[in-house]
Amino acid sequence: MTPDFLLPEFIKLPFSNFSLSDAVETTGFIKADAAGLHLEFEVLKHDLIGLESKSKVQEVTIPLEEIESIAFTQGWLEPMVEVTTKSVRAVSAVPGSKQGKVVLCIPDKEKKAAQELVSTFTLRISEQELARFKPPGHEAKD
């Protein structure tokens, strides 16, 4: 099990994404704790005549149990964190999400923190999967 001191509780990363089909720009923060990932964001909607409207702050929590995978990729312009969930419902409230997947663009200066977040959560997801296959009565020996 991942020691508590390795959990990324103190990682808070700014992110953005843009959905061309919906003409919305989403900006906010991705936060992490032992329970999962928390997205806190605002949505800026652009209309055809150039007017913009901003939403109230919204929050979406993605429990660790719902995360299928998390990956760090280097896009053309900026790093990205891609979160794939076990159900579409887990990220359906996030603009730009598609089939249970959301891509969050991270500023270049936060690249290292994003990689640490992804590494830690990948380890936690793997541990969770391994625990499912551990036969009952087989405790880890120290």
Protein backbone atom coordinates (compact mmCIF):
# COMPACT_ATOMS: atom_id res chain seq x y z
CA MET A 1 0.00 0.00 0.00
CA THR A 2 1.26 3.49 -0.81
CA PRO A 3 2.53 5.21 2.35
CA ASP A 4 0.43 8.24 3.33
CA PHE A 5 3.39 10.59 2.91
CA LEU A 6 3.50 9.74 -0.83
CA LEU A 7 -0.10 10.72 -1.42
CA PRO A 8 -0.38 13.90 -3.48
CA GLU A 9 -2.69 15.74 -1.05
CA PHE A 10 -0.83 18.95 -1.53
CA ILE A 11 -0.75 18.87 -5.30
CA LYS A 12 -3.10 21.38 -6.85
CA LEU A 13 -2.61 21.87 -10.57
CA PRO A 14 -4.22 24.46 -12.80
CA PHE A 15 -5.79 23.05 -15.95
CA SER A 16 -7.75 24.10 -18.97
CA ASN A 17 -9.50 22.43 -21.85
CA PHE A 18 -11.38 23.69 -24.85
CA SER A 19 -14.28 21.96 -26.52
CA LEU A 20 -14.57 23.22 -30.07
CA SER A 21 -17.86 21.41 -30.65
CA ASP A 22 -19.45 23.08 -27.60
CA ALA A 23 -17.52 26.37 -27.97
CA VAL A 24 -16.60 26.30 -24.29
CA GLU A 25 -13.35 26.85 -22.46
CA THR A 26 -12.95 25.24 -19.06
CA THR A 27 -10.37 26.47 -16.54
CA GLY A 28 -9.77 25.38 -13.00
CA PHE A 29 -7.77 23.17 -10.67
CA ILE A 30 -7.24 19.45 -10.32
CA LYS A 31 -6.67 18.44 -6.70
CA ALA A 32 -5.79 15.05 -5.33
CA ASP A 33 -6.31 13.25 -2.05
CA ALA A 34 -6.56 9.68 -0.81
CA ALA A 35 -10.17 9.45 -1.99
CA GLY A 36 -9.53 10.44 -5.61
CA LEU A 37 -9.33 13.44 -7.90
CA HIS A 38 -11.30 16.64 -7.51
CA LEU A 39 -11.90 19.04 -10.39
CA GLU A 40 -12.95 22.58 -9.55
CA PHE A 41 -13.66 24.70 -12.61
CA GLU A 42 -15.49 27.49 -14.39
CA VAL A 43 -16.85 27.31 -17.91
CA LEU A 44 -16.58 30.18 -20.35
CA LYS A 45 -19.10 29.78 -23.17
CA HIS A 46 -18.54 31.57 -26.47
CA ASP A 47 -21.48 32.23 -28.76
CA LEU A 48 -21.67 32.96 -32.48
CA ILE A 49 -21.71 36.75 -32.13
CA GLY A 50 -18.67 36.92 -29.87
CA LEU A 51 -20.38 37.21 -26.50
CA GLU A 52 -19.08 35.21 -23.58
CA SER A 53 -20.77 33.96 -20.44
CA LYS A 54 -19.09 32.45 -17.40
CA SER A 55 -20.62 29.72 -15.27
CA LYS A 56 -20.58 29.47 -11.51
CA VAL A 57 -17.75 27.41 -10.05
CA GLN A 58 -18.47 23.70 -10.45
CA GLU A 59 -16.92 20.69 -8.75
CA VAL A 60 -16.61 17.09 -9.89
CA THR A 61 -15.10 14.38 -7.70
CA ILE A 62 -13.74 11.25 -9.34
CA PRO A 63 -13.35 8.55 -6.67
CA LEU A 64 -10.20 6.43 -6.91
CA GLU A 65 -12.38 3.35 -7.46
CA GLU A 66 -13.83 4.96 -10.61
CA ILE A 67 -10.47 5.74 -12.25
CA GLU A 68 -9.57 3.19 -14.93
CA SER A 69 -6.30 4.89 -15.85
CA ILE A 70 -4.47 8.19 -15.69
CA ALA A 71 -1.71 9.20 -18.09
CA PHE A 72 0.68 12.07 -18.69
CA THR A 73 1.30 13.05 -22.30
CA GLN A 74 3.22 15.85 -23.90
CA GLY A 75 0.96 17.59 -26.41
CA TRP A 76 2.08 19.86 -29.22
CA LEU A 77 1.78 22.98 -27.10
CA GLU A 78 1.48 21.83 -23.49
CA PRO A 79 1.50 18.80 -21.22
CA MET A 80 -1.76 16.94 -20.65
CA VAL A 81 -3.22 14.68 -18.00
CA GLU A 82 -5.70 12.20 -19.43
CA VAL A 83 -8.11 10.55 -17.00
CA THR A 84 -10.15 7.55 -18.15
CA THR A 85 -12.93 6.39 -15.86
CA LYS A 86 -14.80 3.12 -15.53
CA SER A 87 -18.09 4.83 -16.34
CA VAL A 88 -19.19 7.74 -18.49
CA ARG A 89 -21.15 9.12 -15.53
CA ALA A 90 -17.98 9.81 -13.50
CA VAL A 91 -16.91 12.72 -15.76
CA SER A 92 -20.12 13.53 -17.64
CA ALA A 93 -20.38 16.96 -15.94
CA VAL A 94 -16.93 18.01 -17.22
CA PRO A 95 -17.17 19.90 -20.53
CA GLY A 96 -15.22 18.17 -23.27
CA SER A 97 -15.41 14.74 -21.67
CA LYS A 98 -16.13 11.91 -24.04
CA GLN A 99 -16.87 8.26 -23.31
CA GLY A 100 -15.60 8.49 -19.74
CA LYS A 101 -12.39 10.28 -20.68
CA VAL A 102 -11.31 13.84 -19.94
CA VAL A 103 -8.12 15.53 -21.14
CA LEU A 104 -6.77 18.36 -19.00
CA CYS A 105 -4.11 20.71 -20.40
CA ILE A 106 -1.52 21.65 -17.78
CA PRO A 107 0.76 24.70 -17.92
CA ASP A 108 4.37 23.87 -18.84
CA LYS A 109 5.70 25.10 -15.50
CA GLU A 110 3.55 22.46 -13.72
CA LYS A 111 4.85 19.55 -15.83
CA LYS A 112 6.87 17.90 -13.03
CA ALA A 113 3.99 18.12 -10.53
CA ALA A 114 1.63 16.64 -13.14
CA GLN A 115 4.02 13.73 -13.72
CA GLU A 116 4.22 13.11 -9.95
CA LEU A 117 0.43 13.16 -9.66
CA VAL A 118 0.06 10.66 -12.51
CA SER A 119 2.80 8.37 -11.14
CA THR A 120 1.28 8.31 -7.67
CA PHE A 121 -2.23 7.61 -8.92
CA THR A 122 -1.02 4.94 -11.35
CA LEU A 123 0.62 3.17 -8.41
CA ARG A 124 -2.52 3.50 -6.28
CA ILE A 125 -4.73 2.14 -9.09
CA SER A 126 -2.36 -0.83 -9.53
CA GLU A 127 -2.39 -1.53 -5.78
CA GLN A 128 -6.17 -1.42 -5.78
CA GLU A 129 -6.33 -3.91 -8.66
CA LEU A 130 -3.82 -6.25 -7.00
CA ALA A 131 -5.78 -6.16 -3.75
CA ARG A 132 -8.84 -7.44 -5.60
CA PHE A 133 -6.96 -10.60 -6.59
CA LYS A 134 -5.34 -11.32 -3.20
CA PRO A 135 -6.78 -14.54 -1.80
CA PRO A 136 -8.51 -14.15 1.59
CA GLY A 137 -6.26 -14.90 4.58
CA HIS A 138 -3.02 -14.04 2.75
CA GLU A 139 -1.71 -11.04 4.62
CA ALA A 140 1.46 -9.27 3.55
CA LYS A 141 4.50 -10.14 5.66
CA ASP A 142 6.73 -7.32 6.91
